[in-house]
């Protein structure tokens, strides 16, 4: 574990939050790569035509339809 992974209140000095060491990465990766095939297939997402806000809307609608099916 490197550094202080705790957040302290400015007025009280009390610990307001801290990171559990089990969630630390052993090393940082320089670049993360993903495969957009699933989102393209399931949601019809197109990188060149779908804005980020529109993608978020589509994802939320998809998740909500899934929740309604199991709920």
PDB file of N, CA and C in Angstrom:
ATOM      1  N   UNK A   1       0.852  -1.178   0.000  1.00  0.00           N
ATOM      2  CA  UNK A   1       0.000   0.000   0.000  1.00  0.00           C
ATOM      3  C   UNK A   1       0.889   1.230   0.000  1.00  0.00           C
ATOM      4  N   UNK A   2       0.604   2.147  -0.917  1.00  0.00           N
ATOM      5  CA  UNK A   2       1.391   3.368  -0.995  1.00  0.00           C
ATOM      6  C   UNK A   2       0.545   4.563  -0.582  1.00  0.00           C
ATOM      7  N   UNK A   3       1.134   5.482   0.132  1.00  0.00           N
ATOM      8  CA  UNK A   3       0.463   6.731   0.447  1.00  0.00           C
ATOM      9  C   UNK A   3      -0.654   6.572   1.458  1.00  0.00           C
ATOM     10  N   UNK A   4      -1.292   7.687   1.751  1.00  0.00           N
ATOM     11  CA  UNK A   4      -2.392   7.717   2.708  1.00  0.00           C
ATOM     12  C   UNK A   4      -3.694   7.636   1.933  1.00  0.00           C
ATOM     13  N   UNK A   5      -4.389   6.540   2.043  1.00  0.00           N
ATOM     14  CA  UNK A   5      -5.642   6.349   1.313  1.00  0.00           C
ATOM     15  C   UNK A   5      -6.833   6.611   2.228  1.00  0.00           C
ATOM     16  N   UNK A   6      -6.778   7.728   2.950  1.00  0.00           N
ATOM     17  CA  UNK A   6      -7.862   8.117   3.845  1.00  0.00           C
ATOM     18  C   UNK A   6      -8.256   9.553   3.536  1.00  0.00           C
ATOM     19  N   UNK A   7      -9.532   9.836   3.701  1.00  0.00           N
ATOM     20  CA  UNK A   7     -10.025  11.198   3.551  1.00  0.00           C
ATOM     21  C   UNK A   7     -10.421  11.730   4.918  1.00  0.00           C
ATOM     22  N   UNK A   8      -9.922  12.906   5.272  1.00  0.00           N
ATOM     23  CA  UNK A   8     -10.161  13.491   6.590  1.00  0.00           C
ATOM     24  C   UNK A   8     -11.020  14.746   6.484  1.00  0.00           C
ATOM     25  N   UNK A   9     -11.889  14.951   7.472  1.00  0.00           N
ATOM     26  CA  UNK A   9     -12.675  16.167   7.549  1.00  0.00           C
ATOM     27  C   UNK A   9     -11.789  17.349   7.893  1.00  0.00           C
ATOM     28  N   UNK A  10     -11.977  18.470   7.215  1.00  0.00           N
ATOM     29  CA  UNK A  10     -11.132  19.637   7.450  1.00  0.00           C
ATOM     30  C   UNK A  10     -11.323  20.227   8.847  1.00  0.00           C
ATOM     31  N   UNK A  11     -12.550  20.268   9.321  1.00  0.00           N
ATOM     32  CA  UNK A  11     -12.819  20.883  10.622  1.00  0.00           C
ATOM     33  C   UNK A  11     -12.525  19.956  11.789  1.00  0.00           C
ATOM     34  N   UNK A  12     -12.892  18.684  11.656  1.00  0.00           N
ATOM     35  CA  UNK A  12     -12.763  17.758  12.781  1.00  0.00           C
ATOM     36  C   UNK A  12     -11.491  16.926  12.747  1.00  0.00           C
ATOM     37  N   UNK A  13     -10.956  16.702  11.548  1.00  0.00           N
ATOM     38  CA  UNK A  13      -9.799  15.822  11.422  1.00  0.00           C
ATOM     39  C   UNK A  13     -10.179  14.353  11.472  1.00  0.00           C
ATOM     40  N   UNK A  14     -11.482  14.075  11.593  1.00  0.00           N
ATOM     41  CA  UNK A  14     -11.939  12.687  11.641  1.00  0.00           C
ATOM     42  C   UNK A  14     -11.829  12.038  10.262  1.00  0.00           C
ATOM     43  N   UNK A  15     -11.602  10.725  10.248  1.00  0.00           N
ATOM     44  CA  UNK A  15     -11.554   9.985   8.996  1.00  0.00           C
ATOM     45  C   UNK A  15     -12.979   9.890   8.446  1.00  0.00           C
ATOM     46  N   UNK A  16     -13.178  10.373   7.226  1.00  0.00           N
ATOM     47  CA  UNK A  16     -14.494  10.342   6.592  1.00  0.00           C
ATOM     48  C   UNK A  16     -14.633   9.165   5.631  1.00  0.00           C
ATOM     49  N   UNK A  17     -13.524   8.672   5.148  1.00  0.00           N
ATOM     50  CA  UNK A  17     -13.546   7.525   4.236  1.00  0.00           C
ATOM     51  C   UNK A  17     -12.141   7.022   4.017  1.00  0.00           C
ATOM     52  N   UNK A  18     -12.052   5.736   3.704  1.00  0.00           N
ATOM     53  CA  UNK A  18     -10.748   5.177   3.380  1.00  0.00           C
ATOM     54  C   UNK A  18     -10.909   4.014   2.416  1.00  0.00           C
ATOM     55  N   UNK A  19      -9.839   3.718   1.683  1.00  0.00           N
ATOM     56  CA  UNK A  19      -9.854   2.658   0.700  1.00  0.00           C
ATOM     57  C   UNK A  19      -9.367   1.371   1.346  1.00  0.00           C
ATOM     58  N   UNK A  20     -10.120   0.307   1.131  1.00  0.00           N
ATOM     59  CA  UNK A  20      -9.713  -1.000   1.635  1.00  0.00           C
ATOM     60  C   UNK A  20      -8.515  -1.471   0.819  1.00  0.00           C
ATOM     61  N   UNK A  21      -7.407  -1.840   1.458  1.00  0.00           N
ATOM     62  CA  UNK A  21      -6.202  -2.254   0.728  1.00  0.00           C
ATOM     63  C   UNK A  21      -6.432  -3.416  -0.242  1.00  0.00           C
ATOM     64  N   UNK A  22      -7.438  -4.236  -0.027  1.00  0.00           N
ATOM     65  CA  UNK A  22      -7.652  -5.357  -0.943  1.00  0.00           C
ATOM     66  C   UNK A  22      -8.090  -4.895  -2.336  1.00  0.00           C
ATOM     67  N   UNK A  23      -8.512  -3.629  -2.454  1.00  0.00           N
ATOM     68  CA  UNK A  23      -8.921  -3.106  -3.751  1.00  0.00           C
ATOM     69  C   UNK A  23      -7.786  -2.380  -4.485  1.00  0.00           C
ATOM     70  N   UNK A  24      -6.604  -2.322  -3.899  1.00  0.00           N
ATOM     71  CA  UNK A  24      -5.472  -1.689  -4.559  1.00  0.00           C
ATOM     72  C   UNK A  24      -4.982  -2.574  -5.687  1.00  0.00           C
ATOM     73  N   UNK A  25      -4.552  -1.973  -6.761  1.00  0.00           N
ATOM     74  CA  UNK A  25      -3.932  -2.721  -7.853  1.00  0.00           C
ATOM     75  C   UNK A  25      -2.457  -2.891  -7.520  1.00  0.00           C
ATOM     76  N   UNK A  26      -1.909  -4.026  -7.920  1.00  0.00           N
ATOM     77  CA  UNK A  26      -0.487  -4.240  -7.683  1.00  0.00           C
ATOM     78  C   UNK A  26       0.355  -3.267  -8.502  1.00  0.00           C
ATOM     79  N   UNK A  27      -0.136  -2.891  -9.666  1.00  0.00           N
ATOM     80  CA  UNK A  27       0.528  -1.874 -10.483  1.00  0.00           C
ATOM     81  C   UNK A  27      -0.527  -1.253 -11.400  1.00  0.00           C
ATOM     82  N   UNK A  28      -0.300  -0.023 -11.761  1.00  0.00           N
ATOM     83  CA  UNK A  28      -1.234   0.658 -12.657  1.00  0.00           C
ATOM     84  C   UNK A  28      -0.947   0.252 -14.095  1.00  0.00           C
ATOM     85  N   UNK A  29      -1.996   0.115 -14.856  1.00  0.00           N
ATOM     86  CA  UNK A  29      -1.833  -0.190 -16.270  1.00  0.00           C
ATOM     87  C   UNK A  29      -1.820   1.114 -17.049  1.00  0.00           C
ATOM     88  N   UNK A  30      -1.025   1.153 -18.095  1.00  0.00           N
ATOM     89  CA  UNK A  30      -0.908   2.367 -18.880  1.00  0.00           C
ATOM     90  C   UNK A  30      -2.098   2.622 -19.776  1.00  0.00           C
ATOM     91  N   UNK A  31      -2.705   1.542 -20.258  1.00  0.00           N
ATOM     92  CA  UNK A  31      -3.813   1.694 -21.192  1.00  0.00           C
ATOM     93  C   UNK A  31      -4.773   0.523 -21.020  1.00  0.00           C
ATOM     94  N   UNK A  32      -6.039   0.830 -20.896  1.00  0.00           N
ATOM     95  CA  UNK A  32      -7.068  -0.195 -20.811  1.00  0.00           C
ATOM     96  C   UNK A  32      -7.800  -0.265 -22.144  1.00  0.00           C
ATOM     97  N   UNK A  33      -7.976  -1.463 -22.645  1.00  0.00           N
ATOM     98  CA  UNK A  33      -8.654  -1.647 -23.925  1.00  0.00           C
ATOM     99  C   UNK A  33      -9.880  -2.520 -23.728  1.00  0.00           C
ATOM    100  N   UNK A  34     -10.925  -2.235 -24.455  1.00  0.00           N
ATOM    101  CA  UNK A  34     -12.141  -3.024 -24.367  1.00  0.00           C
ATOM    102  C   UNK A  34     -12.645  -3.411 -25.747  1.00  0.00           C
ATOM    103  N   UNK A  35     -13.605  -4.302 -25.767  1.00  0.00           N
ATOM    104  CA  UNK A  35     -14.214  -4.760 -27.010  1.00  0.00           C
ATOM    105  C   UNK A  35     -15.659  -4.259 -27.033  1.00  0.00           C
ATOM    106  N   UNK A  36     -15.990  -3.342 -27.934  1.00  0.00           N
ATOM    107  CA  UNK A  36     -17.336  -2.757 -27.969  1.00  0.00           C
ATOM    108  C   UNK A  36     -18.391  -3.646 -28.630  1.00  0.00           C
ATOM    109  N   UNK A  37     -18.047  -4.871 -29.004  1.00  0.00           N
ATOM    110  CA  UNK A  37     -18.966  -5.737 -29.742  1.00  0.00           C
ATOM    111  C   UNK A  37     -20.291  -5.942 -29.005  1.00  0.00           C
ATOM    112  N   UNK A  38     -20.228  -6.179 -27.693  1.00  0.00           N
ATOM    113  CA  UNK A  38     -21.452  -6.464 -26.937  1.00  0.00           C
ATOM    114  C   UNK A  38     -22.398  -5.263 -26.949  1.00  0.00           C
ATOM    115  N   UNK A  39     -21.879  -4.065 -26.699  1.00  0.00           N
ATOM    116  CA  UNK A  39     -22.748  -2.885 -26.674  1.00  0.00           C
ATOM    117  C   UNK A  39     -23.266  -2.569 -28.077  1.00  0.00           C
ATOM    118  N   UNK A  40     -22.473  -2.870 -29.090  1.00  0.00           N
ATOM    119  CA  UNK A  40     -22.945  -2.659 -30.465  1.00  0.00           C
ATOM    120  C   UNK A  40     -24.067  -3.638 -30.799  1.00  0.00           C
ATOM    121  N   UNK A  41     -23.907  -4.883 -30.378  1.00  0.00           N
ATOM    122  CA  UNK A  41     -24.889  -5.921 -30.693  1.00  0.00           C
ATOM    123  C   UNK A  41     -26.170  -5.756 -29.888  1.00  0.00           C
ATOM    124  N   UNK A  42     -26.045  -5.616 -28.565  1.00  0.00           N
ATOM    125  CA  UNK A  42     -27.229  -5.553 -27.704  1.00  0.00           C
ATOM    126  C   UNK A  42     -27.974  -4.229 -27.780  1.00  0.00           C
ATOM    127  N   UNK A  43     -27.233  -3.141 -27.889  1.00  0.00           N
ATOM    128  CA  UNK A  43     -27.869  -1.825 -27.799  1.00  0.00           C
ATOM    129  C   UNK A  43     -27.908  -1.057 -29.115  1.00  0.00           C
ATOM    130  N   UNK A  44     -27.234  -1.563 -30.120  1.00  0.00           N
ATOM    131  CA  UNK A  44     -27.210  -0.853 -31.393  1.00  0.00           C
ATOM    132  C   UNK A  44     -26.340   0.384 -31.369  1.00  0.00           C
ATOM    133  N   UNK A  45     -25.376   0.413 -30.476  1.00  0.00           N
ATOM    134  CA  UNK A  45     -24.492   1.573 -30.341  1.00  0.00           C
ATOM    135  C   UNK A  45     -23.575   1.692 -31.534  1.00  0.00           C
ATOM    136  N   UNK A  46     -23.385   2.925 -32.000  1.00  0.00           N
ATOM    137  CA  UNK A  46     -22.469   3.203 -33.104  1.00  0.00           C
ATOM    138  C   UNK A  46     -21.589   4.363 -32.669  1.00  0.00           C
ATOM    139  N   UNK A  47     -20.291   4.137 -32.600  1.00  0.00           N
ATOM    140  CA  UNK A  47     -19.343   5.139 -32.120  1.00  0.00           C
ATOM    141  C   UNK A  47     -19.457   6.465 -32.864  1.00  0.00           C
ATOM    142  N   UNK A  48     -19.676   6.402 -34.164  1.00  0.00           N
ATOM    143  CA  UNK A  48     -19.696   7.636 -34.949  1.00  0.00           C
ATOM    144  C   UNK A  48     -21.045   8.339 -34.956  1.00  0.00           C
ATOM    145  N   UNK A  49     -22.116   7.659 -34.520  1.00  0.00           N
ATOM    146  CA  UNK A  49     -23.444   8.263 -34.589  1.00  0.00           C
ATOM    147  C   UNK A  49     -24.108   8.479 -33.237  1.00  0.00           C
ATOM    148  N   UNK A  50     -23.621   7.822 -32.193  1.00  0.00           N
ATOM    149  CA  UNK A  50     -24.274   7.892 -30.886  1.00  0.00           C
ATOM    150  C   UNK A  50     -23.448   8.750 -29.941  1.00  0.00           C
ATOM    151  N   UNK A  51     -24.041   9.831 -29.424  1.00  0.00           N
ATOM    152  CA  UNK A  51     -23.337  10.684 -28.469  1.00  0.00           C
ATOM    153  C   UNK A  51     -23.248   9.965 -27.120  1.00  0.00           C
ATOM    154  N   UNK A  52     -22.363  10.435 -26.273  1.00  0.00           N
ATOM    155  CA  UNK A  52     -22.233   9.826 -24.957  1.00  0.00           C
ATOM    156  C   UNK A  52     -23.533   9.918 -24.158  1.00  0.00           C
ATOM    157  N   UNK A  53     -24.198  11.089 -24.073  1.00  0.00           N
ATOM    158  CA  UNK A  53     -25.469  11.148 -23.337  1.00  0.00           C
ATOM    159  C   UNK A  53     -26.522  10.183 -23.899  1.00  0.00           C
ATOM    160  N   UNK A  54     -26.538  10.031 -25.214  1.00  0.00           N
ATOM    161  CA  UNK A  54     -27.486   9.104 -25.833  1.00  0.00           C
ATOM    162  C   UNK A  54     -27.136   7.660 -25.454  1.00  0.00           C
ATOM    163  N   UNK A  55     -25.857   7.333 -25.424  1.00  0.00           N
ATOM    164  CA  UNK A  55     -25.437   5.994 -25.015  1.00  0.00           C
ATOM    165  C   UNK A  55     -25.853   5.712 -23.580  1.00  0.00           C
ATOM    166  N   UNK A  56     -25.680   6.684 -22.706  1.00  0.00           N
ATOM    167  CA  UNK A  56     -26.089   6.518 -21.306  1.00  0.00           C
ATOM    168  C   UNK A  56     -27.595   6.269 -21.234  1.00  0.00           C
ATOM    169  N   UNK A  57     -28.373   7.034 -21.982  1.00  0.00           N
ATOM    170  CA  UNK A  57     -29.829   6.847 -22.000  1.00  0.00           C
ATOM    171  C   UNK A  57     -30.191   5.437 -22.463  1.00  0.00           C
ATOM    172  N   UNK A  58     -29.555   4.978 -23.534  1.00  0.00           N
ATOM    173  CA  UNK A  58     -29.823   3.636 -24.060  1.00  0.00           C
ATOM    174  C   UNK A  58     -29.469   2.577 -23.014  1.00  0.00           C
ATOM    175  N   UNK A  59     -28.329   2.744 -22.349  1.00  0.00           N
ATOM    176  CA  UNK A  59     -27.896   1.771 -21.343  1.00  0.00           C
ATOM    177  C   UNK A  59     -28.864   1.722 -20.164  1.00  0.00           C
ATOM    178  N   UNK A  60     -29.325   2.890 -19.730  1.00  0.00           N
ATOM    179  CA  UNK A  60     -30.272   2.937 -18.607  1.00  0.00           C
ATOM    180  C   UNK A  60     -31.584   2.272 -19.001  1.00  0.00           C
ATOM    181  N   UNK A  61     -32.081   2.561 -20.188  1.00  0.00           N
ATOM    182  CA  UNK A  61     -33.322   1.927 -20.657  1.00  0.00           C
ATOM    183  C   UNK A  61     -33.173   0.413 -20.710  1.00  0.00           C
ATOM    184  N   UNK A  62     -32.031  -0.060 -21.206  1.00  0.00           N
ATOM    185  CA  UNK A  62     -31.783  -1.506 -21.282  1.00  0.00           C
ATOM    186  C   UNK A  62     -31.777  -2.116 -19.878  1.00  0.00           C
ATOM    187  N   UNK A  63     -31.048  -1.487 -18.957  1.00  0.00           N
ATOM    188  CA  UNK A  63     -30.983  -1.998 -17.582  1.00  0.00           C
ATOM    189  C   UNK A  63     -32.352  -1.992 -16.920  1.00  0.00           C
ATOM    190  N   UNK A  64     -33.137  -0.942 -17.154  1.00  0.00           N
ATOM    191  CA  UNK A  64     -34.461  -0.858 -16.539  1.00  0.00           C
ATOM    192  C   UNK A  64     -35.384  -1.939 -17.094  1.00  0.00           C
ATOM    193  N   UNK A  65     -35.277  -2.263 -18.377  1.00  0.00           N
ATOM    194  CA  UNK A  65     -36.102  -3.339 -18.932  1.00  0.00           C
ATOM    195  C   UNK A  65     -35.699  -4.672 -18.324  1.00  0.00           C
ATOM    196  N   UNK A  66     -34.416  -4.853 -18.064  1.00  0.00           N
ATOM    197  CA  UNK A  66     -33.932  -6.086 -17.427  1.00  0.00           C
ATOM    198  C   UNK A  66     -34.459  -6.178 -15.992  1.00  0.00           C
ATOM    199  N   UNK A  67     -34.418  -5.069 -15.256  1.00  0.00           N
ATOM    200  CA  UNK A  67     -34.895  -5.053 -13.866  1.00  0.00           C
ATOM    201  C   UNK A  67     -36.384  -5.381 -13.816  1.00  0.00           C
ATOM    202  N   UNK A  68     -37.143  -4.840 -14.757  1.00  0.00           N
ATOM    203  CA  UNK A  68     -38.602  -5.117 -14.784  1.00  0.00           C
ATOM    204  C   UNK A  68     -38.875  -6.583 -15.038  1.00  0.00           C
ATOM    205  N   UNK A  69     -38.026  -7.246 -15.840  1.00  0.00           N
ATOM    206  CA  UNK A  69     -38.223  -8.674 -16.123  1.00  0.00           C
ATOM    207  C   UNK A  69     -37.981  -9.542 -14.893  1.00  0.00           C
ATOM    208  N   UNK A  70     -36.981  -9.182 -14.063  1.00  0.00           N
ATOM    209  CA  UNK A  70     -36.655 -10.025 -12.902  1.00  0.00           C
ATOM    210  C   UNK A  70     -37.377  -9.582 -11.639  1.00  0.00           C
ATOM    211  N   UNK A  71     -37.918  -8.363 -11.666  1.00  0.00           N
ATOM    212  CA  UNK A  71     -38.541  -7.795 -10.464  1.00  0.00           C
ATOM    213  C   UNK A  71     -39.970  -8.100 -10.397  1.00  0.00           C
TER     214      UNK A  71
END
